[in-house]
Amino acid sequence: MLTAQSYWEVPDGNLSSFAQTFTNGNTIDIAWLGWAALWLEEYLNSVSVNDLWVTSYNYAEVEYAQLVAENLDISTAGSYSWLINITETGLSSTAEYVLRFKNPASPRTDYNETTDQISSKGFIILEDSTSTSTSTSTSTSTHTSTYASTSTSTQTATTTSTTPTHTETAAAAAAATSTATLSTGVKAGIGVAAGAVLILIAVLFFLKRKPAVPPPEYTYEKPELPVDMKEADGHVQELPVMQHMPELPGIAHLAELPPQSVVELA
């Protein structure tokens, strides 16, 4: 479904709001396809030459408005090279901004929220980390609203009959990968297992390096007989054999004991 925002090329009117991110201090080529008389009649009082503003996306909460360019013919395709120079006060208040074509105001730098407009999709502007942007003029109202105008009073945009080329800063993707962490119990188990493996390896290494102890060697030595038991020719003398065993002194015969008569008790 076509809407008035569909005719914005940069920022891309076919993307959702805040899908595009730009950096303060960079230059982008704002581009549009051009709005037919029907759209201009409905949104800009049939006025084809209008002024371009950048404002905070939620103007009711943060009142920031800056005049970007004047006298831009938006009835045909065109583009405008914009050096993004949001003030430090504006960036500290919000990062969400939007472009708006509005009928020229009187005075030119007086932004009126209630007048008709053709607005772009919302986008993000991040602060440049390498430099600090400066604004050309800033005034603060009693409602802490800030208005800034460009140093050039009048600028004329280049309009062409064909779709202009443009560069667009890619949207910054912010994705956080959730990282699963091990529980304390699992970590403790892993630590104990690793320690046991190390101890086992150390024991095996020690056993492997320990030299094997050879068994003791036993030698049998033949006993030598006494010299007096050897004859002169080297033969062993025979021991005398006892022919009779001597009787041991003592009782030769055991005396038989006389039998005892059994006395019957009356």
Protein backbone atom coordinates (compact mmCIF):
# COMPACT_ATOMS: atom_id res chain seq x y z
CA MET A 1 0.00 0.00 0.00
CA LEU A 2 1.46 3.33 -1.07
CA THR A 3 1.56 6.18 1.40
CA ALA A 4 3.15 9.61 1.29
CA GLN A 5 6.21 8.11 3.03
CA SER A 6 6.64 5.55 0.23
CA TYR A 7 8.10 8.30 -2.01
CA TRP A 8 11.09 8.85 0.30
CA GLU A 9 14.22 7.11 -0.97
CA VAL A 10 16.69 8.21 1.72
CA PRO A 11 15.66 7.58 4.39
CA ASP A 12 13.94 4.58 2.82
CA GLY A 13 10.21 5.07 3.21
CA ASN A 14 9.51 1.37 2.69
CA LEU A 15 11.38 0.30 5.84
CA SER A 16 10.03 0.40 9.35
CA SER A 17 10.87 3.30 11.61
CA PHE A 18 14.32 3.18 13.29
CA ALA A 19 15.55 0.47 10.91
CA GLN A 20 18.15 2.93 9.57
CA THR A 21 21.05 4.43 11.49
CA PHE A 22 23.24 7.39 10.60
CA THR A 23 26.22 8.98 12.32
CA ASN A 24 26.43 12.60 13.33
CA GLY A 25 29.11 14.41 11.33
CA ASN A 26 28.62 12.25 8.22
CA THR A 27 27.05 13.40 4.97
CA ILE A 28 24.07 11.61 3.43
CA ASP A 29 22.15 12.27 0.23
CA ILE A 30 18.52 12.79 1.18
CA ALA A 31 16.47 11.69 -1.84
CA TRP A 32 12.82 11.54 -2.87
CA LEU A 33 10.87 10.36 -5.91
CA GLY A 34 8.60 13.38 -5.99
CA TRP A 35 5.01 13.81 -4.86
CA ALA A 36 2.17 14.27 -7.31
CA ALA A 37 -0.31 17.11 -7.04
CA LEU A 38 -2.76 14.89 -5.16
CA TRP A 39 -0.31 14.35 -2.33
CA LEU A 40 0.76 17.99 -2.22
CA GLU A 41 -2.84 19.09 -2.07
CA GLU A 42 -3.58 16.77 0.84
CA TYR A 43 -0.48 17.39 2.93
CA LEU A 44 1.17 20.67 1.85
CA ASN A 45 -1.62 22.95 0.69
CA SER A 46 -0.72 22.26 -2.97
CA VAL A 47 2.66 24.00 -2.45
CA SER A 48 5.47 22.25 -4.34
CA VAL A 49 8.44 24.32 -3.05
CA ASN A 50 8.95 23.68 0.64
CA ASP A 51 11.49 23.76 3.44
CA LEU A 52 13.14 20.65 4.89
CA TRP A 53 13.43 20.17 8.66
CA VAL A 54 14.96 17.50 10.91
CA THR A 55 13.23 17.16 14.25
CA SER A 56 13.08 14.78 17.17
CA TYR A 57 10.76 11.89 16.41
CA ASN A 58 8.64 12.42 19.50
CA TYR A 59 8.44 16.19 19.49
CA ALA A 60 6.01 16.24 22.41
CA GLU A 61 8.67 14.76 24.70
CA VAL A 62 11.85 16.28 23.24
CA GLU A 63 11.37 19.56 21.38
CA TYR A 64 14.25 19.60 18.92
CA ALA A 65 13.97 21.14 15.42
CA GLN A 66 16.63 22.18 12.91
CA LEU A 67 16.13 23.78 9.50
CA VAL A 68 18.06 21.69 6.98
CA ALA A 69 17.31 23.38 3.64
CA GLU A 70 14.96 25.94 2.07
CA ASN A 71 13.03 26.15 -1.20
CA LEU A 72 13.17 22.52 -2.30
CA ASP A 73 10.91 21.53 -5.18
CA ILE A 74 9.46 18.17 -4.20
CA SER A 75 6.98 17.81 -7.05
CA THR A 76 9.67 15.91 -9.01
CA ALA A 77 12.48 13.55 -8.06
CA GLY A 78 15.37 15.24 -6.31
CA SER A 79 18.07 14.98 -3.69
CA TYR A 80 19.89 17.11 -1.14
CA SER A 81 23.33 16.46 0.35
CA TRP A 82 23.02 16.89 4.11
CA LEU A 83 25.90 17.12 6.56
CA ILE A 84 24.36 15.73 9.73
CA ASN A 85 25.05 18.22 12.49
CA ILE A 86 22.67 17.54 15.34
CA THR A 87 23.66 19.61 18.36
CA GLU A 88 25.20 18.05 21.43
CA THR A 89 22.14 19.07 23.42
CA GLY A 90 19.87 17.29 20.95
CA LEU A 91 21.90 14.07 20.92
CA SER A 92 22.03 14.00 24.70
CA SER A 93 18.23 14.16 24.76
CA THR A 94 17.31 11.62 22.06
CA ALA A 95 18.73 9.53 19.21
CA GLU A 96 15.42 9.23 17.30
CA TYR A 97 14.84 11.73 14.49
CA VAL A 98 12.66 12.33 11.43
CA LEU A 99 12.77 14.55 8.30
CA ARG A 100 9.78 16.76 7.51
CA PHE A 101 8.86 18.84 4.44
CA LYS A 102 6.87 21.88 5.53
CA ASN A 103 5.57 25.07 3.98
CA PRO A 104 7.99 27.99 4.54
CA ALA A 105 7.48 29.61 7.93
CA SER A 106 7.69 33.25 8.86
CA PRO A 107 10.29 33.77 10.15
CA ARG A 108 11.97 30.87 8.37
CA THR A 109 13.62 29.45 11.49
CA ASP A 110 10.37 29.35 13.46
CA TYR A 111 9.25 25.72 13.57
CA ASN A 112 5.53 25.09 13.96
CA GLU A 113 4.63 21.56 14.92
CA THR A 114 0.96 21.89 14.02
CA THR A 115 1.33 22.87 10.35
CA ASP A 116 0.94 20.36 7.50
CA GLN A 117 3.89 18.20 6.51
CA ILE A 118 5.20 15.18 4.64
CA SER A 119 7.45 13.28 7.02
CA SER A 120 9.94 10.43 6.49
CA LYS A 121 10.25 7.24 8.50
CA GLY A 122 12.01 7.61 11.83
CA PHE A 123 15.75 6.89 11.99
CA ILE A 124 18.59 6.78 14.51
CA ILE A 125 21.44 9.29 14.69
CA LEU A 126 24.46 8.24 16.75
CA GLU A 127 27.12 10.58 18.08
CA ASP A 128 30.44 10.49 16.26
CA SER A 129 32.99 9.12 18.71
CA THR A 130 35.93 10.81 16.96
CA SER A 131 34.64 14.36 16.83
CA THR A 132 32.08 16.62 18.43
CA SER A 133 29.50 18.20 16.17
CA THR A 134 28.82 21.93 16.43
CA SER A 135 25.65 23.74 15.57
CA THR A 136 25.50 27.11 13.81
CA SER A 137 22.84 28.66 15.99
CA THR A 138 20.94 27.42 19.02
CA SER A 139 18.19 28.93 21.10
CA THR A 140 16.49 27.40 24.12
CA SER A 141 12.84 28.08 24.97
CA THR A 142 11.24 28.01 28.40
CA HIS A 143 10.16 24.42 27.69
CA THR A 144 13.81 23.37 27.16
CA SER A 145 13.18 23.11 23.42
CA THR A 146 16.10 23.74 21.06
CA TYR A 147 16.04 25.21 17.56
CA ALA A 148 19.06 25.24 15.29
CA SER A 149 19.38 26.74 11.84
CA THR A 150 22.01 26.08 9.21
CA SER A 151 24.64 28.63 8.37
CA THR A 152 23.39 28.93 4.81
CA SER A 153 20.30 31.10 4.58
CA THR A 154 19.09 29.87 1.19
CA GLN A 155 20.04 26.75 -0.66
CA THR A 156 18.67 25.33 -3.87
CA ALA A 157 18.47 21.59 -4.36
CA THR A 158 19.33 19.96 -7.65
CA THR A 159 16.27 18.42 -9.24
CA THR A 160 16.37 15.91 -12.05
CA SER A 161 13.80 14.10 -14.10
CA THR A 162 15.29 10.72 -13.29
CA THR A 163 15.82 8.92 -10.03
CA PRO A 164 19.06 10.22 -8.48
CA THR A 165 21.85 8.01 -7.20
CA HIS A 166 22.51 8.16 -3.54
CA THR A 167 24.49 6.56 -0.80
CA GLU A 168 22.89 5.30 2.28
CA THR A 169 24.51 4.39 5.45
CA ALA A 170 23.60 0.83 6.38
CA ALA A 171 21.56 0.27 9.51
CA ALA A 172 23.64 -0.61 12.51
CA ALA A 173 22.72 -4.05 13.72
CA ALA A 174 22.66 -4.54 17.47
CA ALA A 175 22.39 -8.21 18.34
CA ALA A 176 23.55 -9.81 21.50
CA THR A 177 24.38 -13.47 21.41
CA SER A 178 23.30 -15.12 24.56
CA THR A 179 26.17 -17.16 25.97
CA ALA A 180 25.36 -20.26 27.93
CA THR A 181 27.52 -20.73 31.01
CA LEU A 182 28.30 -23.94 32.86
CA SER A 183 26.91 -24.34 36.35
CA THR A 184 29.23 -24.42 39.33
CA GLY A 185 28.60 -28.12 39.89
CA VAL A 186 29.54 -29.02 36.33
CA LYS A 187 32.69 -26.93 36.54
CA ALA A 188 33.66 -28.66 39.80
CA GLY A 189 33.07 -32.09 38.26
CA ILE A 190 35.23 -31.22 35.27
CA GLY A 191 37.99 -29.98 37.58
CA VAL A 192 37.97 -33.18 39.69
CA ALA A 193 38.00 -35.41 36.59
CA ALA A 194 40.88 -33.46 35.07
CA GLY A 195 42.85 -33.73 38.32
CA ALA A 196 42.29 -37.50 38.49
CA VAL A 197 43.49 -37.93 34.91
CA LEU A 198 46.65 -35.93 35.64
CA ILE A 199 47.40 -38.03 38.74
CA LEU A 200 46.90 -41.28 36.79
CA ILE A 201 49.24 -40.08 34.04
CA ALA A 202 51.88 -39.14 36.64
CA VAL A 203 51.68 -42.59 38.31
CA LEU A 204 51.99 -44.41 34.98
CA PHE A 205 54.92 -42.23 34.02
CA PHE A 206 56.66 -42.94 37.36
CA LEU A 207 56.14 -46.72 37.06
CA LYS A 208 57.42 -46.70 33.52
CA ARG A 209 60.62 -44.88 34.47
CA LYS A 210 61.33 -46.96 37.66
CA PRO A 211 64.11 -49.57 36.86
CA ALA A 212 63.24 -53.20 37.38
CA VAL A 213 65.09 -54.83 40.34
CA PRO A 214 66.68 -58.15 39.21
CA PRO A 215 66.06 -61.15 41.49
CA PRO A 216 68.98 -62.10 43.80
CA GLU A 217 71.38 -64.71 42.48
CA TYR A 218 71.97 -67.72 44.66
CA THR A 219 75.17 -69.82 44.27
CA TYR A 220 75.64 -73.23 45.72
CA GLU A 221 79.06 -74.02 47.16
CA LYS A 222 79.94 -77.65 47.79
CA PRO A 223 81.00 -78.06 51.42
CA GLU A 224 84.55 -79.18 52.01
CA LEU A 225 85.27 -82.16 54.24
CA PRO A 226 87.73 -81.79 57.08
CA VAL A 227 91.33 -82.48 56.22
CA ASP A 228 91.61 -85.40 58.62
CA MET A 229 88.87 -87.23 56.72
CA LYS A 230 90.82 -87.23 53.51
CA GLU A 231 93.51 -89.66 52.58
CA ALA A 232 96.68 -88.65 50.97
CA ASP A 233 95.48 -89.61 47.56
CA GLY A 234 92.42 -87.39 47.89
CA HIS A 235 89.87 -90.15 48.54
CA VAL A 236 87.43 -89.77 51.39
CA GLN A 237 87.90 -92.10 54.31
CA GLU A 238 85.00 -94.36 55.16
CA LEU A 239 83.48 -93.88 58.55
CA PRO A 240 83.50 -96.97 60.81
CA VAL A 241 80.15 -98.76 61.03
CA MET A 242 78.89 -99.62 64.44
CA GLN A 243 78.22 -103.39 64.63
CA HIS A 244 76.26 -103.53 67.80
CA MET A 245 74.26 -101.00 69.63
CA PRO A 246 75.40 -100.88 73.27
CA GLU A 247 72.76 -101.63 75.76
CA LEU A 248 71.69 -98.82 77.88
CA PRO A 249 72.29 -99.31 81.54
CA GLY A 250 69.12 -99.71 83.54
CA ILE A 251 66.43 -102.17 84.25
CA ALA A 252 66.81 -105.20 82.08
CA HIS A 253 63.40 -106.57 82.56
CA LEU A 254 60.27 -105.04 83.76
CA ALA A 255 58.85 -106.85 86.85
CA GLU A 256 55.36 -107.95 86.54
CA LEU A 257 53.06 -106.54 89.10
CA PRO A 258 51.16 -109.10 91.14
CA PRO A 259 47.44 -109.16 90.43
CA GLN A 260 45.27 -107.45 92.88
CA SER A 261 42.22 -109.20 94.10
CA VAL A 262 38.96 -107.36 93.79
CA VAL A 263 37.30 -106.97 97.16
CA GLU A 264 33.57 -106.99 96.99
CA LEU A 265 31.84 -104.63 99.25
CA ALA A 266 29.20 -106.20 101.51
